[in-house]
Structures are given as structure tokens and as C-alpha cells.
PDB file of N, CA and C in Angstrom:
ATOM      1  N   UNK A   1      79.716 104.814  99.119  1.00  0.00           N
ATOM      2  CA  UNK A   1      80.838 105.483  99.742  1.00  0.00           C
ATOM      3  C   UNK A   1      81.535 104.472 100.662  1.00  0.00           C
ATOM      4  N   UNK A   2      82.759 104.101 100.294  1.00  0.00           N
ATOM      5  CA  UNK A   2      83.528 103.122 101.071  1.00  0.00           C
ATOM      6  C   UNK A   2      84.502 103.771 102.037  1.00  0.00           C
ATOM      7  N   UNK A   3      84.954 104.976 101.668  1.00  0.00           N
ATOM      8  CA  UNK A   3      85.928 105.672 102.506  1.00  0.00           C
ATOM      9  C   UNK A   3      85.841 107.172 102.254  1.00  0.00           C
ATOM     10  N   UNK A   4      86.474 107.924 103.138  1.00  0.00           N
ATOM     11  CA  UNK A   4      86.489 109.390 103.072  1.00  0.00           C
ATOM     12  C   UNK A   4      87.944 109.842 103.111  1.00  0.00           C
ATOM     13  N   UNK A   5      88.286 110.834 102.307  1.00  0.00           N
ATOM     14  CA  UNK A   5      89.642 111.380 102.343  1.00  0.00           C
ATOM     15  C   UNK A   5      89.914 111.974 103.723  1.00  0.00           C
ATOM     16  N   UNK A   6      91.118 111.754 104.205  1.00  0.00           N
ATOM     17  CA  UNK A   6      91.509 112.281 105.516  1.00  0.00           C
ATOM     18  C   UNK A   6      91.336 113.796 105.553  1.00  0.00           C
ATOM     19  N   UNK A   7      91.678 114.480 104.465  1.00  0.00           N
ATOM     20  CA  UNK A   7      91.559 115.944 104.434  1.00  0.00           C
ATOM     21  C   UNK A   7      90.110 116.401 104.614  1.00  0.00           C
ATOM     22  N   UNK A   8      89.157 115.665 104.044  1.00  0.00           N
ATOM     23  CA  UNK A   8      87.736 116.003 104.222  1.00  0.00           C
ATOM     24  C   UNK A   8      87.297 115.759 105.663  1.00  0.00           C
ATOM     25  N   UNK A   9      87.747 114.661 106.250  1.00  0.00           N
ATOM     26  CA  UNK A   9      87.393 114.338 107.632  1.00  0.00           C
ATOM     27  C   UNK A   9      87.928 115.402 108.584  1.00  0.00           C
ATOM     28  N   UNK A  10      89.180 115.813 108.377  1.00  0.00           N
ATOM     29  CA  UNK A  10      89.768 116.847 109.232  1.00  0.00           C
ATOM     30  C   UNK A  10      89.022 118.169 109.068  1.00  0.00           C
ATOM     31  N   UNK A  11      88.646 118.505 107.843  1.00  0.00           N
ATOM     32  CA  UNK A  11      87.872 119.734 107.609  1.00  0.00           C
ATOM     33  C   UNK A  11      86.539 119.668 108.352  1.00  0.00           C
ATOM     34  N   UNK A  12      85.898 118.503 108.359  1.00  0.00           N
ATOM     35  CA  UNK A  12      84.632 118.338 109.074  1.00  0.00           C
ATOM     36  C   UNK A  12      84.834 118.481 110.581  1.00  0.00           C
ATOM     37  N   UNK A  13      85.894 117.872 111.103  1.00  0.00           N
ATOM     38  CA  UNK A  13      86.177 117.985 112.537  1.00  0.00           C
ATOM     39  C   UNK A  13      86.375 119.445 112.938  1.00  0.00           C
ATOM     40  N   UNK A  14      87.129 120.185 112.148  1.00  0.00           N
ATOM     41  CA  UNK A  14      87.347 121.605 112.437  1.00  0.00           C
ATOM     42  C   UNK A  14      86.041 122.383 112.355  1.00  0.00           C
ATOM     43  N   UNK A  15      85.212 122.061 111.377  1.00  0.00           N
ATOM     44  CA  UNK A  15      83.902 122.695 111.232  1.00  0.00           C
ATOM     45  C   UNK A  15      83.055 122.488 112.493  1.00  0.00           C
ATOM     46  N   UNK A  16      83.189 121.326 113.103  1.00  0.00           N
ATOM     47  CA  UNK A  16      82.424 120.995 114.311  1.00  0.00           C
ATOM     48  C   UNK A  16      83.080 121.520 115.591  1.00  0.00           C
ATOM     49  N   UNK A  17      84.194 122.230 115.461  1.00  0.00           N
ATOM     50  CA  UNK A  17      84.846 122.811 116.631  1.00  0.00           C
ATOM     51  C   UNK A  17      85.813 121.888 117.341  1.00  0.00           C
ATOM     52  N   UNK A  18      86.205 120.823 116.690  1.00  0.00           N
ATOM     53  CA  UNK A  18      87.135 119.863 117.287  1.00  0.00           C
ATOM     54  C   UNK A  18      88.568 120.381 117.175  1.00  0.00           C
ATOM     55  N   UNK A  19      89.407 119.939 118.102  1.00  0.00           N
ATOM     56  CA  UNK A  19      90.804 120.358 118.108  1.00  0.00           C
ATOM     57  C   UNK A  19      91.729 119.144 118.153  1.00  0.00           C
ATOM     58  N   UNK A  20      92.823 119.255 117.416  1.00  0.00           N
ATOM     59  CA  UNK A  20      93.849 118.213 117.386  1.00  0.00           C
ATOM     60  C   UNK A  20      94.550 118.168 118.741  1.00  0.00           C
ATOM     61  N   UNK A  21      94.761 116.966 119.263  1.00  0.00           N
ATOM     62  CA  UNK A  21      95.437 116.806 120.553  1.00  0.00           C
ATOM     63  C   UNK A  21      96.807 116.152 120.419  1.00  0.00           C
ATOM     64  N   UNK A  22      96.893 115.044 119.688  1.00  0.00           N
ATOM     65  CA  UNK A  22      98.175 114.351 119.593  1.00  0.00           C
ATOM     66  C   UNK A  22      98.133 113.285 118.507  1.00  0.00           C
ATOM     67  N   UNK A  23      99.323 112.733 118.232  1.00  0.00           N
ATOM     68  CA  UNK A  23      99.448 111.579 117.345  1.00  0.00           C
ATOM     69  C   UNK A  23     100.239 110.522 118.090  1.00  0.00           C
ATOM     70  N   UNK A  24      99.724 109.310 118.084  1.00  0.00           N
ATOM     71  CA  UNK A  24     100.416 108.184 118.701  1.00  0.00           C
ATOM     72  C   UNK A  24     100.476 107.076 117.666  1.00  0.00           C
ATOM     73  N   UNK A  25     101.687 106.675 117.311  1.00  0.00           N
ATOM     74  CA  UNK A  25     101.908 105.749 116.191  1.00  0.00           C
ATOM     75  C   UNK A  25     101.322 106.412 114.947  1.00  0.00           C
ATOM     76  N   UNK A  26     100.352 105.806 114.296  1.00  0.00           N
ATOM     77  CA  UNK A  26      99.765 106.419 113.100  1.00  0.00           C
ATOM     78  C   UNK A  26      98.371 106.982 113.372  1.00  0.00           C
ATOM     79  N   UNK A  27      97.964 107.010 114.635  1.00  0.00           N
ATOM     80  CA  UNK A  27      96.614 107.444 114.994  1.00  0.00           C
ATOM     81  C   UNK A  27      96.594 108.879 115.525  1.00  0.00           C
ATOM     82  N   UNK A  28      95.742 109.699 114.908  1.00  0.00           N
ATOM     83  CA  UNK A  28      95.542 111.061 115.405  1.00  0.00           C
ATOM     84  C   UNK A  28      94.426 111.053 116.437  1.00  0.00           C
ATOM     85  N   UNK A  29      94.583 111.890 117.447  1.00  0.00           N
ATOM     86  CA  UNK A  29      93.581 112.012 118.506  1.00  0.00           C
ATOM     87  C   UNK A  29      93.064 113.448 118.495  1.00  0.00           C
ATOM     88  N   UNK A  30      91.749 113.592 118.397  1.00  0.00           N
ATOM     89  CA  UNK A  30      91.084 114.895 118.387  1.00  0.00           C
ATOM     90  C   UNK A  30      90.070 114.942 119.513  1.00  0.00           C
ATOM     91  N   UNK A  31      89.832 116.125 120.022  1.00  0.00           N
ATOM     92  CA  UNK A  31      88.826 116.341 121.069  1.00  0.00           C
ATOM     93  C   UNK A  31      87.757 117.262 120.503  1.00  0.00           C
ATOM     94  N   UNK A  32      86.499 116.872 120.680  1.00  0.00           N
ATOM     95  CA  UNK A  32      85.372 117.640 120.153  1.00  0.00           C
ATOM     96  C   UNK A  32      84.450 118.057 121.289  1.00  0.00           C
ATOM     97  N   UNK A  33      83.814 119.223 121.141  1.00  0.00           N
ATOM     98  CA  UNK A  33      82.865 119.669 122.169  1.00  0.00           C
ATOM     99  C   UNK A  33      81.737 118.640 122.328  1.00  0.00           C
ATOM    100  N   UNK A  34      81.388 118.360 123.553  1.00  0.00           N
ATOM    101  CA  UNK A  34      80.271 117.462 123.883  1.00  0.00           C
ATOM    102  C   UNK A  34      80.471 116.020 123.427  1.00  0.00           C
ATOM    103  N   UNK A  35      81.706 115.612 123.127  1.00  0.00           N
ATOM    104  CA  UNK A  35      81.957 114.224 122.725  1.00  0.00           C
ATOM    105  C   UNK A  35      82.045 113.332 123.956  1.00  0.00           C
ATOM    106  N   UNK A  36      81.640 112.098 123.785  1.00  0.00           N
ATOM    107  CA  UNK A  36      81.720 111.139 124.874  1.00  0.00           C
ATOM    108  C   UNK A  36      83.134 110.583 125.034  1.00  0.00           C
ATOM    109  N   UNK A  37      83.943 110.682 123.973  1.00  0.00           N
ATOM    110  CA  UNK A  37      85.334 110.213 124.018  1.00  0.00           C
ATOM    111  C   UNK A  37      86.125 110.917 122.925  1.00  0.00           C
ATOM    112  N   UNK A  38      87.428 110.712 122.932  1.00  0.00           N
ATOM    113  CA  UNK A  38      88.271 111.303 121.894  1.00  0.00           C
ATOM    114  C   UNK A  38      87.954 110.680 120.536  1.00  0.00           C
ATOM    115  N   UNK A  39      88.166 111.456 119.493  1.00  0.00           N
ATOM    116  CA  UNK A  39      87.987 110.986 118.125  1.00  0.00           C
ATOM    117  C   UNK A  39      89.360 110.533 117.638  1.00  0.00           C
ATOM    118  N   UNK A  40      89.464 109.269 117.270  1.00  0.00           N
ATOM    119  CA  UNK A  40      90.748 108.687 116.881  1.00  0.00           C
ATOM    120  C   UNK A  40      90.613 108.079 115.490  1.00  0.00           C
ATOM    121  N   UNK A  41      91.610 108.361 114.643  1.00  0.00           N
ATOM    122  CA  UNK A  41      91.602 107.815 113.283  1.00  0.00           C
ATOM    123  C   UNK A  41      93.028 107.735 112.761  1.00  0.00           C
ATOM    124  N   UNK A  42      93.204 106.996 111.665  1.00  0.00           N
ATOM    125  CA  UNK A  42      94.506 106.853 111.030  1.00  0.00           C
ATOM    126  C   UNK A  42      94.803 108.100 110.215  1.00  0.00           C
ATOM    127  N   UNK A  43      95.567 108.998 110.776  1.00  0.00           N
ATOM    128  CA  UNK A  43      95.902 110.224 110.071  1.00  0.00           C
ATOM    129  C   UNK A  43      96.962 110.038 109.004  1.00  0.00           C
ATOM    130  N   UNK A  44      97.696 108.935 109.066  1.00  0.00           N
ATOM    131  CA  UNK A  44      98.772 108.703 108.108  1.00  0.00           C
ATOM    132  C   UNK A  44      98.278 108.089 106.798  1.00  0.00           C
ATOM    133  N   UNK A  45      97.039 107.677 106.752  1.00  0.00           N
ATOM    134  CA  UNK A  45      96.461 107.093 105.540  1.00  0.00           C
ATOM    135  C   UNK A  45      95.873 108.195 104.667  1.00  0.00           C
ATOM    136  N   UNK A  46      95.617 107.888 103.403  1.00  0.00           N
ATOM    137  CA  UNK A  46      94.986 108.858 102.503  1.00  0.00           C
ATOM    138  C   UNK A  46      93.477 108.895 102.705  1.00  0.00           C
ATOM    139  N   UNK A  47      92.909 107.754 103.081  1.00  0.00           N
ATOM    140  CA  UNK A  47      91.463 107.659 103.275  1.00  0.00           C
ATOM    141  C   UNK A  47      91.159 106.875 104.548  1.00  0.00           C
ATOM    142  N   UNK A  48      89.958 107.131 105.081  1.00  0.00           N
ATOM    143  CA  UNK A  48      89.504 106.467 106.302  1.00  0.00           C
ATOM    144  C   UNK A  48      88.287 105.616 105.947  1.00  0.00           C
ATOM    145  N   UNK A  49      88.265 104.345 106.349  1.00  0.00           N
ATOM    146  CA  UNK A  49      87.099 103.503 106.075  1.00  0.00           C
ATOM    147  C   UNK A  49      85.829 104.117 106.673  1.00  0.00           C
ATOM    148  N   UNK A  50      84.741 104.000 105.949  1.00  0.00           N
ATOM    149  CA  UNK A  50      83.493 104.656 106.350  1.00  0.00           C
ATOM    150  C   UNK A  50      82.976 104.129 107.687  1.00  0.00           C
ATOM    151  N   UNK A  51      83.228 102.853 108.007  1.00  0.00           N
ATOM    152  CA  UNK A  51      82.756 102.334 109.296  1.00  0.00           C
ATOM    153  C   UNK A  51      83.478 103.014 110.460  1.00  0.00           C
ATOM    154  N   UNK A  52      84.731 103.416 110.271  1.00  0.00           N
ATOM    155  CA  UNK A  52      85.458 104.162 111.312  1.00  0.00           C
ATOM    156  C   UNK A  52      84.860 105.561 111.461  1.00  0.00           C
ATOM    157  N   UNK A  53      84.507 106.164 110.341  1.00  0.00           N
ATOM    158  CA  UNK A  53      83.871 107.490 110.364  1.00  0.00           C
ATOM    159  C   UNK A  53      82.555 107.410 111.130  1.00  0.00           C
ATOM    160  N   UNK A  54      81.728 106.431 110.787  1.00  0.00           N
ATOM    161  CA  UNK A  54      80.408 106.324 111.421  1.00  0.00           C
ATOM    162  C   UNK A  54      80.519 106.059 112.919  1.00  0.00           C
ATOM    163  N   UNK A  55      81.514 105.290 113.334  1.00  0.00           N
ATOM    164  CA  UNK A  55      81.734 105.061 114.762  1.00  0.00           C
ATOM    165  C   UNK A  55      82.074 106.371 115.470  1.00  0.00           C
ATOM    166  N   UNK A  56      82.936 107.172 114.854  1.00  0.00           N
ATOM    167  CA  UNK A  56      83.294 108.464 115.441  1.00  0.00           C
ATOM    168  C   UNK A  56      82.112 109.434 115.430  1.00  0.00           C
ATOM    169  N   UNK A  57      81.287 109.375 114.404  1.00  0.00           N
ATOM    170  CA  UNK A  57      80.102 110.245 114.366  1.00  0.00           C
ATOM    171  C   UNK A  57      79.179 109.952 115.546  1.00  0.00           C
ATOM    172  N   UNK A  58      79.040 108.676 115.903  1.00  0.00           N
ATOM    173  CA  UNK A  58      78.213 108.315 117.068  1.00  0.00           C
ATOM    174  C   UNK A  58      78.770 108.967 118.330  1.00  0.00           C
ATOM    175  N   UNK A  59      80.087 108.945 118.483  1.00  0.00           N
ATOM    176  CA  UNK A  59      80.718 109.577 119.654  1.00  0.00           C
ATOM    177  C   UNK A  59      80.482 111.076 119.674  1.00  0.00           C
ATOM    178  N   UNK A  60      80.382 111.668 118.487  1.00  0.00           N
ATOM    179  CA  UNK A  60      80.178 113.109 118.368  1.00  0.00           C
ATOM    180  C   UNK A  60      78.708 113.497 118.482  1.00  0.00           C
ATOM    181  N   UNK A  61      77.812 112.519 118.384  1.00  0.00           N
ATOM    182  CA  UNK A  61      76.388 112.823 118.399  1.00  0.00           C
ATOM    183  C   UNK A  61      75.913 113.445 117.095  1.00  0.00           C
ATOM    184  N   UNK A  62      76.586 113.101 115.994  1.00  0.00           N
ATOM    185  CA  UNK A  62      76.257 113.645 114.676  1.00  0.00           C
ATOM    186  C   UNK A  62      75.563 112.561 113.853  1.00  0.00           C
ATOM    187  N   UNK A  63      74.491 112.925 113.180  1.00  0.00           N
ATOM    188  CA  UNK A  63      73.777 111.988 112.322  1.00  0.00           C
ATOM    189  C   UNK A  63      74.554 111.726 111.038  1.00  0.00           C
ATOM    190  N   UNK A  64      74.484 110.485 110.542  1.00  0.00           N
ATOM    191  CA  UNK A  64      75.159 110.135 109.292  1.00  0.00           C
ATOM    192  C   UNK A  64      74.697 111.040 108.156  1.00  0.00           C
ATOM    193  N   UNK A  65      73.414 111.302 108.098  1.00  0.00           N
ATOM    194  CA  UNK A  65      72.860 112.134 107.025  1.00  0.00           C
ATOM    195  C   UNK A  65      73.457 113.541 107.061  1.00  0.00           C
ATOM    196  N   UNK A  66      73.598 114.110 108.252  1.00  0.00           N
ATOM    197  CA  UNK A  66      74.194 115.447 108.368  1.00  0.00           C
ATOM    198  C   UNK A  66      75.634 115.438 107.858  1.00  0.00           C
ATOM    199  N   UNK A  67      76.362 114.384 108.178  1.00  0.00           N
ATOM    200  CA  UNK A  67      77.744 114.269 107.716  1.00  0.00           C
ATOM    201  C   UNK A  67      77.807 114.121 106.199  1.00  0.00           C
ATOM    202  N   UNK A  68      77.016 113.220 105.636  1.00  0.00           N
ATOM    203  CA  UNK A  68      77.069 113.002 104.188  1.00  0.00           C
ATOM    204  C   UNK A  68      76.607 114.242 103.426  1.00  0.00           C
ATOM    205  N   UNK A  69      75.640 114.976 103.965  1.00  0.00           N
ATOM    206  CA  UNK A  69      75.226 116.241 103.339  1.00  0.00           C
ATOM    207  C   UNK A  69      76.375 117.244 103.356  1.00  0.00           C
ATOM    208  N   UNK A  70      77.087 117.341 104.479  1.00  0.00           N
ATOM    209  CA  UNK A  70      78.210 118.275 104.588  1.00  0.00           C
ATOM    210  C   UNK A  70      79.317 117.898 103.603  1.00  0.00           C
ATOM    211  N   UNK A  71      79.630 116.604 103.529  1.00  0.00           N
ATOM    212  CA  UNK A  71      80.670 116.122 102.608  1.00  0.00           C
ATOM    213  C   UNK A  71      80.294 116.449 101.163  1.00  0.00           C
ATOM    214  N   UNK A  72      79.036 116.241 100.802  1.00  0.00           N
ATOM    215  CA  UNK A  72      78.593 116.515  99.428  1.00  0.00           C
ATOM    216  C   UNK A  72      78.772 117.985  99.058  1.00  0.00           C
ATOM    217  N   UNK A  73      78.631 118.867 100.012  1.00  0.00           N
ATOM    218  CA  UNK A  73      78.735 120.304  99.751  1.00  0.00           C
ATOM    219  C   UNK A  73      80.160 120.839  99.878  1.00  0.00           C
ATOM    220  N   UNK A  74      81.003 120.181 100.658  1.00  0.00           N
ATOM    221  CA  UNK A  74      82.299 120.761 101.013  1.00  0.00           C
ATOM    222  C   UNK A  74      83.531 119.979 100.564  1.00  0.00           C
ATOM    223  N   UNK A  75      83.358 118.770 100.071  1.00  0.00           N
ATOM    224  CA  UNK A  75      84.543 117.984  99.663  1.00  0.00           C
ATOM    225  C   UNK A  75      84.440 117.523  98.224  1.00  0.00           C
TER     226      UNK A  75
END
């Protein structure tokens, strides 16, 4: 898995209770419960590189395995 579709990532964020806050340039900013910082990604692209996803998962306190299991079932 090299990248994730933006639509799948947004669906996962909503599933986790995150809310959209703003867009600055091409970057979307989301706020998630219990996050250490805002979740930021390129919303204008079709896909997001997996290393960006994994960095945001760390901020969310979500395990990679939990994310990949969710993606396999929902995207």
C-alpha cells in the first residue's frame, strides 16, 4: 500500500469523530478528539502518501493495524 484515496481517509476521520476545520492552500486541517495536534493533509490530491497517513495516525493515537483493518472493510 503506497497511498490511500482521500475519500477513504476522510471517511476514516469522520468515523473517528474528527471534524473539518479549514483549508489553507491545498492542505485540509481537521481536529480529532484526544489528538495531540491538528490532522493536516493534501485534500486537493486524489491520494495521500502512506507515510503522511501514518504520521497523522501517530497524532491520533491510532495503531496502523487498526487503520489498515478499517480500510480493508470500508474502502
